[in-house]
Amino acid sequence: MKYSKAFKEKAVKKVLQMRDTQSMGTIAKELNIPKATLYTWVKNTSNSRVTDGVLTLANKLQILKRATA
């Protein structure tokens, strides 16, 4: 299934905003997408290493800057 760029960006933003309170698996389930797909979007957006779905604060800031630019 193809997802729009806007949907992908919204999903990544949600991960960054909710990461401290919800797991990536929970967010993926809410969005009705595979966890692996969401993980890949986050990883590709950050252009940095994401280990076990954990993002550093620096990674979060970098992703947010790109998403709002």
PDB file of N, CA and C in Angstrom:
ATOM      1  N   MET A   1       0.837  -1.183   0.000  1.00  0.00           N
ATOM      2  CA  MET A   1       0.000   0.000   0.000  1.00  0.00           C
ATOM      3  C   MET A   1       0.879   1.242   0.000  1.00  0.00           C
ATOM      4  N   LYS A   2       0.512   2.201  -0.794  1.00  0.00           N
ATOM      5  CA  LYS A   2       1.238   3.469  -0.864  1.00  0.00           C
ATOM      6  C   LYS A   2       0.637   4.445   0.128  1.00  0.00           C
ATOM      7  N   TYR A   3       1.508   5.183   0.782  1.00  0.00           N
ATOM      8  CA  TYR A   3       1.085   6.208   1.728  1.00  0.00           C
ATOM      9  C   TYR A   3       1.566   7.560   1.223  1.00  0.00           C
ATOM     10  N   SER A   4       0.767   8.574   1.432  1.00  0.00           N
ATOM     11  CA  SER A   4       1.149   9.908   0.981  1.00  0.00           C
ATOM     12  C   SER A   4       2.282  10.451   1.844  1.00  0.00           C
ATOM     13  N   LYS A   5       2.999  11.400   1.282  1.00  0.00           N
ATOM     14  CA  LYS A   5       4.087  12.042   2.010  1.00  0.00           C
ATOM     15  C   LYS A   5       3.549  12.721   3.273  1.00  0.00           C
ATOM     16  N   ALA A   6       2.391  13.337   3.160  1.00  0.00           N
ATOM     17  CA  ALA A   6       1.782  14.018   4.306  1.00  0.00           C
ATOM     18  C   ALA A   6       1.456  13.025   5.421  1.00  0.00           C
ATOM     19  N   PHE A   7       0.946  11.846   5.059  1.00  0.00           N
ATOM     20  CA  PHE A   7       0.627  10.830   6.059  1.00  0.00           C
ATOM     21  C   PHE A   7       1.891  10.351   6.759  1.00  0.00           C
ATOM     22  N   LYS A   8       2.945  10.120   5.979  1.00  0.00           N
ATOM     23  CA  LYS A   8       4.212   9.677   6.546  1.00  0.00           C
ATOM     24  C   LYS A   8       4.758  10.716   7.526  1.00  0.00           C
ATOM     25  N   GLU A   9       4.726  11.981   7.120  1.00  0.00           N
ATOM     26  CA  GLU A   9       5.226  13.052   7.983  1.00  0.00           C
ATOM     27  C   GLU A   9       4.413  13.145   9.274  1.00  0.00           C
ATOM     28  N   LYS A  10       3.109  13.017   9.147  1.00  0.00           N
ATOM     29  CA  LYS A  10       2.232  13.069  10.318  1.00  0.00           C
ATOM     30  C   LYS A  10       2.541  11.905  11.261  1.00  0.00           C
ATOM     31  N   ALA A  11       2.769  10.732  10.701  1.00  0.00           N
ATOM     32  CA  ALA A  11       3.075   9.557  11.511  1.00  0.00           C
ATOM     33  C   ALA A  11       4.399   9.732  12.253  1.00  0.00           C
ATOM     34  N   VAL A  12       5.416  10.248  11.570  1.00  0.00           N
ATOM     35  CA  VAL A  12       6.723  10.460  12.197  1.00  0.00           C
ATOM     36  C   VAL A  12       6.609  11.513  13.300  1.00  0.00           C
ATOM     37  N   LYS A  13       5.879  12.573  13.042  1.00  0.00           N
ATOM     38  CA  LYS A  13       5.677  13.605  14.069  1.00  0.00           C
ATOM     39  C   LYS A  13       5.005  13.010  15.299  1.00  0.00           C
ATOM     40  N   LYS A  14       4.022  12.152  15.060  1.00  0.00           N
ATOM     41  CA  LYS A  14       3.314  11.536  16.183  1.00  0.00           C
ATOM     42  C   LYS A  14       4.268  10.678  17.014  1.00  0.00           C
ATOM     43  N   VAL A  15       5.141   9.942  16.352  1.00  0.00           N
ATOM     44  CA  VAL A  15       6.125   9.134  17.072  1.00  0.00           C
ATOM     45  C   VAL A  15       6.988  10.037  17.946  1.00  0.00           C
ATOM     46  N   LEU A  16       7.450  11.127  17.384  1.00  0.00           N
ATOM     47  CA  LEU A  16       8.330  12.022  18.128  1.00  0.00           C
ATOM     48  C   LEU A  16       7.619  12.691  19.299  1.00  0.00           C
ATOM     49  N   GLN A  17       6.373  13.036  19.097  1.00  0.00           N
ATOM     50  CA  GLN A  17       5.626  13.711  20.149  1.00  0.00           C
ATOM     51  C   GLN A  17       5.158  12.752  21.239  1.00  0.00           C
ATOM     52  N   MET A  18       4.872  11.520  20.880  1.00  0.00           N
ATOM     53  CA  MET A  18       4.276  10.575  21.821  1.00  0.00           C
ATOM     54  C   MET A  18       5.255   9.511  22.302  1.00  0.00           C
ATOM     55  N   ARG A  19       6.496   9.572  21.872  1.00  0.00           N
ATOM     56  CA  ARG A  19       7.466   8.511  22.154  1.00  0.00           C
ATOM     57  C   ARG A  19       7.641   8.241  23.646  1.00  0.00           C
ATOM     58  N   ASP A  20       7.527   9.264  24.464  1.00  0.00           N
ATOM     59  CA  ASP A  20       7.721   9.079  25.898  1.00  0.00           C
ATOM     60  C   ASP A  20       6.519   8.418  26.575  1.00  0.00           C
ATOM     61  N   THR A  21       5.369   8.448  25.926  1.00  0.00           N
ATOM     62  CA  THR A  21       4.166   7.895  26.545  1.00  0.00           C
ATOM     63  C   THR A  21       3.588   6.689  25.807  1.00  0.00           C
ATOM     64  N   GLN A  22       3.961   6.505  24.548  1.00  0.00           N
ATOM     65  CA  GLN A  22       3.443   5.381  23.766  1.00  0.00           C
ATOM     66  C   GLN A  22       4.582   4.714  23.010  1.00  0.00           C
ATOM     67  N   SER A  23       4.487   3.414  22.855  1.00  0.00           N
ATOM     68  CA  SER A  23       5.488   2.698  22.077  1.00  0.00           C
ATOM     69  C   SER A  23       5.234   2.902  20.588  1.00  0.00           C
ATOM     70  N   MET A  24       6.265   2.648  19.807  1.00  0.00           N
ATOM     71  CA  MET A  24       6.119   2.758  18.364  1.00  0.00           C
ATOM     72  C   MET A  24       5.104   1.733  17.867  1.00  0.00           C
ATOM     73  N   GLY A  25       5.049   0.568  18.506  1.00  0.00           N
ATOM     74  CA  GLY A  25       4.070  -0.442  18.127  1.00  0.00           C
ATOM     75  C   GLY A  25       2.648   0.010  18.357  1.00  0.00           C
ATOM     76  N   THR A  26       2.413   0.688  19.468  1.00  0.00           N
ATOM     77  CA  THR A  26       1.081   1.212  19.772  1.00  0.00           C
ATOM     78  C   THR A  26       0.677   2.275  18.760  1.00  0.00           C
ATOM     79  N   ILE A  27       1.599   3.149  18.441  1.00  0.00           N
ATOM     80  CA  ILE A  27       1.323   4.214  17.466  1.00  0.00           C
ATOM     81  C   ILE A  27       1.040   3.602  16.097  1.00  0.00           C
ATOM     82  N   ALA A  28       1.830   2.617  15.703  1.00  0.00           N
ATOM     83  CA  ALA A  28       1.604   1.951  14.416  1.00  0.00           C
ATOM     84  C   ALA A  28       0.226   1.306  14.370  1.00  0.00           C
ATOM     85  N   LYS A  29      -0.170   0.689  15.476  1.00  0.00           N
ATOM     86  CA  LYS A  29      -1.483   0.043  15.544  1.00  0.00           C
ATOM     87  C   LYS A  29      -2.596   1.088  15.408  1.00  0.00           C
ATOM     88  N   GLU A  30      -2.433   2.232  16.093  1.00  0.00           N
ATOM     89  CA  GLU A  30      -3.431   3.309  15.994  1.00  0.00           C
ATOM     90  C   GLU A  30      -3.567   3.822  14.567  1.00  0.00           C
ATOM     91  N   LEU A  31      -2.436   3.875  13.850  1.00  0.00           N
ATOM     92  CA  LEU A  31      -2.441   4.386  12.474  1.00  0.00           C
ATOM     93  C   LEU A  31      -2.750   3.299  11.450  1.00  0.00           C
ATOM     94  N   ASN A  32      -2.893   2.045  11.956  1.00  0.00           N
ATOM     95  CA  ASN A  32      -3.201   0.909  11.099  1.00  0.00           C
ATOM     96  C   ASN A  32      -2.121   0.668  10.037  1.00  0.00           C
ATOM     97  N   ILE A  33      -0.872   0.747  10.488  1.00  0.00           N
ATOM     98  CA  ILE A  33       0.263   0.465   9.604  1.00  0.00           C
ATOM     99  C   ILE A  33       1.208  -0.493  10.329  1.00  0.00           C
ATOM    100  N   PRO A  34       2.003  -1.251   9.590  1.00  0.00           N
ATOM    101  CA  PRO A  34       2.956  -2.154  10.233  1.00  0.00           C
ATOM    102  C   PRO A  34       4.021  -1.380  11.026  1.00  0.00           C
ATOM    103  N   LYS A  35       4.403  -1.938  12.162  1.00  0.00           N
ATOM    104  CA  LYS A  35       5.430  -1.301  12.993  1.00  0.00           C
ATOM    105  C   LYS A  35       6.727  -1.117  12.195  1.00  0.00           C
ATOM    106  N   ALA A  36       7.084  -2.109  11.408  1.00  0.00           N
ATOM    107  CA  ALA A  36       8.317  -2.030  10.616  1.00  0.00           C
ATOM    108  C   ALA A  36       8.276  -0.868   9.627  1.00  0.00           C
ATOM    109  N   THR A  37       7.102  -0.611   9.068  1.00  0.00           N
ATOM    110  CA  THR A  37       6.950   0.510   8.133  1.00  0.00           C
ATOM    111  C   THR A  37       7.173   1.827   8.854  1.00  0.00           C
ATOM    112  N   LEU A  38       6.551   1.986  10.007  1.00  0.00           N
ATOM    113  CA  LEU A  38       6.707   3.210  10.782  1.00  0.00           C
ATOM    114  C   LEU A  38       8.159   3.389  11.211  1.00  0.00           C
ATOM    115  N   TYR A  39       8.773   2.324  11.670  1.00  0.00           N
ATOM    116  CA  TYR A  39      10.178   2.355  12.076  1.00  0.00           C
ATOM    117  C   TYR A  39      11.052   2.832  10.921  1.00  0.00           C
ATOM    118  N   THR A  40      10.795   2.312   9.720  1.00  0.00           N
ATOM    119  CA  THR A  40      11.574   2.699   8.537  1.00  0.00           C
ATOM    120  C   THR A  40      11.394   4.173   8.221  1.00  0.00           C
ATOM    121  N   TRP A  41      10.164   4.676   8.315  1.00  0.00           N
ATOM    122  CA  TRP A  41       9.927   6.094   8.053  1.00  0.00           C
ATOM    123  C   TRP A  41      10.700   6.964   9.021  1.00  0.00           C
ATOM    124  N   VAL A  42      10.661   6.601  10.290  1.00  0.00           N
ATOM    125  CA  VAL A  42      11.371   7.384  11.309  1.00  0.00           C
ATOM    126  C   VAL A  42      12.868   7.337  11.030  1.00  0.00           C
ATOM    127  N   LYS A  43      13.354   6.163  10.735  1.00  0.00           N
ATOM    128  CA  LYS A  43      14.790   5.995  10.460  1.00  0.00           C
ATOM    129  C   LYS A  43      15.205   6.800   9.234  1.00  0.00           C
ATOM    130  N   ASN A  44      14.423   6.734   8.168  1.00  0.00           N
ATOM    131  CA  ASN A  44      14.753   7.465   6.940  1.00  0.00           C
ATOM    132  C   ASN A  44      14.655   8.972   7.124  1.00  0.00           C
ATOM    133  N   THR A  45      13.705   9.412   7.906  1.00  0.00           N
ATOM    134  CA  THR A  45      13.527  10.838   8.138  1.00  0.00           C
ATOM    135  C   THR A  45      14.692  11.414   8.936  1.00  0.00           C
ATOM    136  N   SER A  46      15.144  10.647   9.893  1.00  0.00           N
ATOM    137  CA  SER A  46      16.205  11.152  10.765  1.00  0.00           C
ATOM    138  C   SER A  46      17.574  11.083  10.122  1.00  0.00           C
ATOM    139  N   ASN A  47      17.725  10.241   9.092  1.00  0.00           N
ATOM    140  CA  ASN A  47      19.031  10.039   8.477  1.00  0.00           C
ATOM    141  C   ASN A  47      20.107   9.737   9.507  1.00  0.00           C
ATOM    142  N   SER A  48      19.710   9.089  10.566  1.00  0.00           N
ATOM    143  CA  SER A  48      20.648   8.698  11.601  1.00  0.00           C
ATOM    144  C   SER A  48      20.242   7.354  12.147  1.00  0.00           C
ATOM    145  N   ARG A  49      21.063   6.811  12.977  1.00  0.00           N
ATOM    146  CA  ARG A  49      20.818   5.482  13.514  1.00  0.00           C
ATOM    147  C   ARG A  49      19.730   5.514  14.571  1.00  0.00           C
ATOM    148  N   VAL A  50      18.776   4.623  14.429  1.00  0.00           N
ATOM    149  CA  VAL A  50      17.727   4.431  15.429  1.00  0.00           C
ATOM    150  C   VAL A  50      17.903   3.014  15.943  1.00  0.00           C
ATOM    151  N   THR A  51      18.103   2.859  17.224  1.00  0.00           N
ATOM    152  CA  THR A  51      18.344   1.555  17.800  1.00  0.00           C
ATOM    153  C   THR A  51      17.122   1.118  18.605  1.00  0.00           C
ATOM    154  N   ASP A  52      16.538   0.004  18.199  1.00  0.00           N
ATOM    155  CA  ASP A  52      15.367  -0.552  18.893  1.00  0.00           C
ATOM    156  C   ASP A  52      14.248   0.474  19.036  1.00  0.00           C
ATOM    157  N   GLY A  53      14.115   1.373  18.085  1.00  0.00           N
ATOM    158  CA  GLY A  53      13.033   2.342  18.131  1.00  0.00           C
ATOM    159  C   GLY A  53      13.256   3.484  19.100  1.00  0.00           C
ATOM    160  N   VAL A  54      14.459   3.613  19.660  1.00  0.00           N
ATOM    161  CA  VAL A  54      14.727   4.675  20.618  1.00  0.00           C
ATOM    162  C   VAL A  54      15.447   5.814  19.912  1.00  0.00           C
ATOM    163  N   LEU A  55      14.885   6.993  20.028  1.00  0.00           N
ATOM    164  CA  LEU A  55      15.490   8.172  19.420  1.00  0.00           C
ATOM    165  C   LEU A  55      16.100   9.048  20.499  1.00  0.00           C
ATOM    166  N   THR A  56      17.240   9.617  20.191  1.00  0.00           N
ATOM    167  CA  THR A  56      17.833  10.562  21.125  1.00  0.00           C
ATOM    168  C   THR A  56      17.133  11.902  20.976  1.00  0.00           C
ATOM    169  N   LEU A  57      17.311  12.769  21.933  1.00  0.00           N
ATOM    170  CA  LEU A  57      16.727  14.100  21.858  1.00  0.00           C
ATOM    171  C   LEU A  57      17.242  14.823  20.621  1.00  0.00           C
ATOM    172  N   ALA A  58      18.521  14.675  20.324  1.00  0.00           N
ATOM    173  CA  ALA A  58      19.102  15.315  19.136  1.00  0.00           C
ATOM    174  C   ALA A  58      18.418  14.820  17.869  1.00  0.00           C
ATOM    175  N   ASN A  59      18.141  13.499  17.798  1.00  0.00           N
ATOM    176  CA  ASN A  59      17.443  12.947  16.640  1.00  0.00           C
ATOM    177  C   ASN A  59      16.045  13.532  16.513  1.00  0.00           C
ATOM    178  N   LYS A  60      15.345  13.646  17.630  1.00  0.00           N
ATOM    179  CA  LYS A  60      13.992  14.200  17.621  1.00  0.00           C
ATOM    180  C   LYS A  60      13.997  15.634  17.116  1.00  0.00           C
ATOM    181  N   LEU A  61      14.927  16.426  17.612  1.00  0.00           N
ATOM    182  CA  LEU A  61      15.007  17.823  17.180  1.00  0.00           C
ATOM    183  C   LEU A  61      15.320  17.930  15.699  1.00  0.00           C
ATOM    184  N   GLN A  62      16.225  17.092  15.232  1.00  0.00           N
ATOM    185  CA  GLN A  62      16.585  17.099  13.814  1.00  0.00           C
ATOM    186  C   GLN A  62      15.374  16.748  12.944  1.00  0.00           C
ATOM    187  N   ILE A  63      14.623  15.746  13.347  1.00  0.00           N
ATOM    188  CA  ILE A  63      13.444  15.327  12.576  1.00  0.00           C
ATOM    189  C   ILE A  63      12.391  16.420  12.575  1.00  0.00           C
ATOM    190  N   LEU A  64      12.139  17.014  13.732  1.00  0.00           N
ATOM    191  CA  LEU A  64      11.153  18.088  13.809  1.00  0.00           C
ATOM    192  C   LEU A  64      11.533  19.284  12.960  1.00  0.00           C
ATOM    193  N   LYS A  65      12.809  19.645  12.947  1.00  0.00           N
ATOM    194  CA  LYS A  65      13.265  20.766  12.102  1.00  0.00           C
ATOM    195  C   LYS A  65      13.012  20.476  10.644  1.00  0.00           C
ATOM    196  N   ARG A  66      13.313  19.260  10.207  1.00  0.00           N
ATOM    197  CA  ARG A  66      13.097  18.890   8.811  1.00  0.00           C
ATOM    198  C   ARG A  66      11.617  18.867   8.452  1.00  0.00           C
ATOM    199  N   ALA A  67      10.808  18.381   9.370  1.00  0.00           N
ATOM    200  CA  ALA A  67       9.372  18.259   9.108  1.00  0.00           C
ATOM    201  C   ALA A  67       8.683  19.616   9.047  1.00  0.00           C
ATOM    202  N   THR A  68       9.217  20.592   9.750  1.00  0.00           N
ATOM    203  CA  THR A  68       8.566  21.915   9.778  1.00  0.00           C
ATOM    204  C   THR A  68       9.224  22.891   8.810  1.00  0.00           C
ATOM    205  N   ALA A  69      10.273  22.463   8.131  1.00  0.00           N
ATOM    206  CA  ALA A  69      10.975  23.364   7.202  1.00  0.00           C
ATOM    207  C   ALA A  69      10.200  23.529   5.917  1.00  0.00           C
TER     208      ALA A  69
END
